[in-house]
Amino acid sequence: MLSFEEILKKEIVYKIDDIENVNIQKSIVYKSTNKEELMQVEVHHYLL
C-alpha cells in the first residue's frame, strides 16, 4: 500500500499532467483504505 505522502505526490502529478482524467485520480485515491486519509486527499483535490 502507498503511504499518504506517496498518494499525495501521485495525486499532484496526475492533477497537473491530466486535469481531465478523474478516473486516474480516483484510482490512486482509493488505494488508501484509511477513510481519514481519503478525506484529506479529496480535500487536497479541491485545493489544487
C-alpha atoms as a PDB file:
ATOM      1  CA  MET A   1       0.000   0.000   0.000  1.00  0.00           C
ATOM      2  CA  LEU A   2       1.153   3.537  -0.728  1.00  0.00           C
ATOM      3  CA  SER A   3       1.803   5.912   2.130  1.00  0.00           C
ATOM      4  CA  PHE A   4      -0.344   9.029   2.391  1.00  0.00           C
ATOM      5  CA  GLU A   5       2.612  11.164   1.231  1.00  0.00           C
ATOM      6  CA  GLU A   6       3.134   8.950  -1.810  1.00  0.00           C
ATOM      7  CA  ILE A   7      -0.553   9.201  -2.667  1.00  0.00           C
ATOM      8  CA  LEU A   8      -0.445  12.994  -2.422  1.00  0.00           C
ATOM      9  CA  LYS A   9       2.648  13.135  -4.649  1.00  0.00           C
ATOM     10  CA  LYS A  10       0.941  10.956  -7.244  1.00  0.00           C
ATOM     11  CA  GLU A  11      -2.251  12.989  -6.990  1.00  0.00           C
ATOM     12  CA  ILE A  12      -0.343  16.217  -7.611  1.00  0.00           C
ATOM     13  CA  VAL A  13       1.459  14.686 -10.591  1.00  0.00           C
ATOM     14  CA  TYR A  14      -1.738  13.384 -12.171  1.00  0.00           C
ATOM     15  CA  LYS A  15      -3.670  16.540 -11.378  1.00  0.00           C
ATOM     16  CA  ILE A  16      -1.068  18.655 -13.179  1.00  0.00           C
ATOM     17  CA  ASP A  17      -0.439  16.205 -16.043  1.00  0.00           C
ATOM     18  CA  ASP A  18      -4.060  15.411 -16.817  1.00  0.00           C
ATOM     19  CA  ILE A  19      -6.626  17.522 -15.002  1.00  0.00           C
ATOM     20  CA  GLU A  20      -9.422  15.989 -17.094  1.00  0.00           C
ATOM     21  CA  ASN A  21      -8.661  12.403 -16.134  1.00  0.00           C
ATOM     22  CA  VAL A  22     -10.708  11.949 -12.979  1.00  0.00           C
ATOM     23  CA  ASN A  23     -10.530   8.145 -13.237  1.00  0.00           C
ATOM     24  CA  ILE A  24      -6.764   8.068 -12.748  1.00  0.00           C
ATOM     25  CA  GLN A  25      -7.054  10.405  -9.751  1.00  0.00           C
ATOM     26  CA  LYS A  26      -9.773   8.281  -8.151  1.00  0.00           C
ATOM     27  CA  SER A  27      -7.941   5.019  -8.752  1.00  0.00           C
ATOM     28  CA  ILE A  28      -4.962   6.358  -6.804  1.00  0.00           C
ATOM     29  CA  VAL A  29      -7.014   7.931  -4.036  1.00  0.00           C
ATOM     30  CA  TYR A  30      -8.919   4.708  -3.407  1.00  0.00           C
ATOM     31  CA  LYS A  31      -5.697   2.770  -2.796  1.00  0.00           C
ATOM     32  CA  SER A  32      -5.817   4.372   0.636  1.00  0.00           C
ATOM     33  CA  THR A  33      -8.037   2.287   2.906  1.00  0.00           C
ATOM     34  CA  ASN A  34      -7.916   4.818   5.725  1.00  0.00           C
ATOM     35  CA  LYS A  35     -11.044   6.984   5.491  1.00  0.00           C
ATOM     36  CA  GLU A  36      -9.424   9.988   7.186  1.00  0.00           C
ATOM     37  CA  GLU A  37      -6.583   9.879   4.668  1.00  0.00           C
ATOM     38  CA  LEU A  38      -9.085   9.528   1.844  1.00  0.00           C
ATOM     39  CA  MET A  39     -10.940  12.633   3.037  1.00  0.00           C
ATOM     40  CA  GLN A  40      -7.693  14.581   3.270  1.00  0.00           C
ATOM     41  CA  VAL A  41      -6.724  13.585  -0.255  1.00  0.00           C
ATOM     42  CA  GLU A  42     -10.160  14.533  -1.564  1.00  0.00           C
ATOM     43  CA  VAL A  43      -9.915  17.942   0.112  1.00  0.00           C
ATOM     44  CA  HIS A  44      -6.451  18.272  -1.420  1.00  0.00           C
ATOM     45  CA  HIS A  45      -8.056  17.777  -4.870  1.00  0.00           C
ATOM     46  CA  TYR A  46     -10.229  20.822  -4.382  1.00  0.00           C
ATOM     47  CA  LEU A  47      -7.385  22.948  -3.057  1.00  0.00           C
ATOM     48  CA  LEU A  48      -5.351  22.355  -6.210  1.00  0.00           C
END
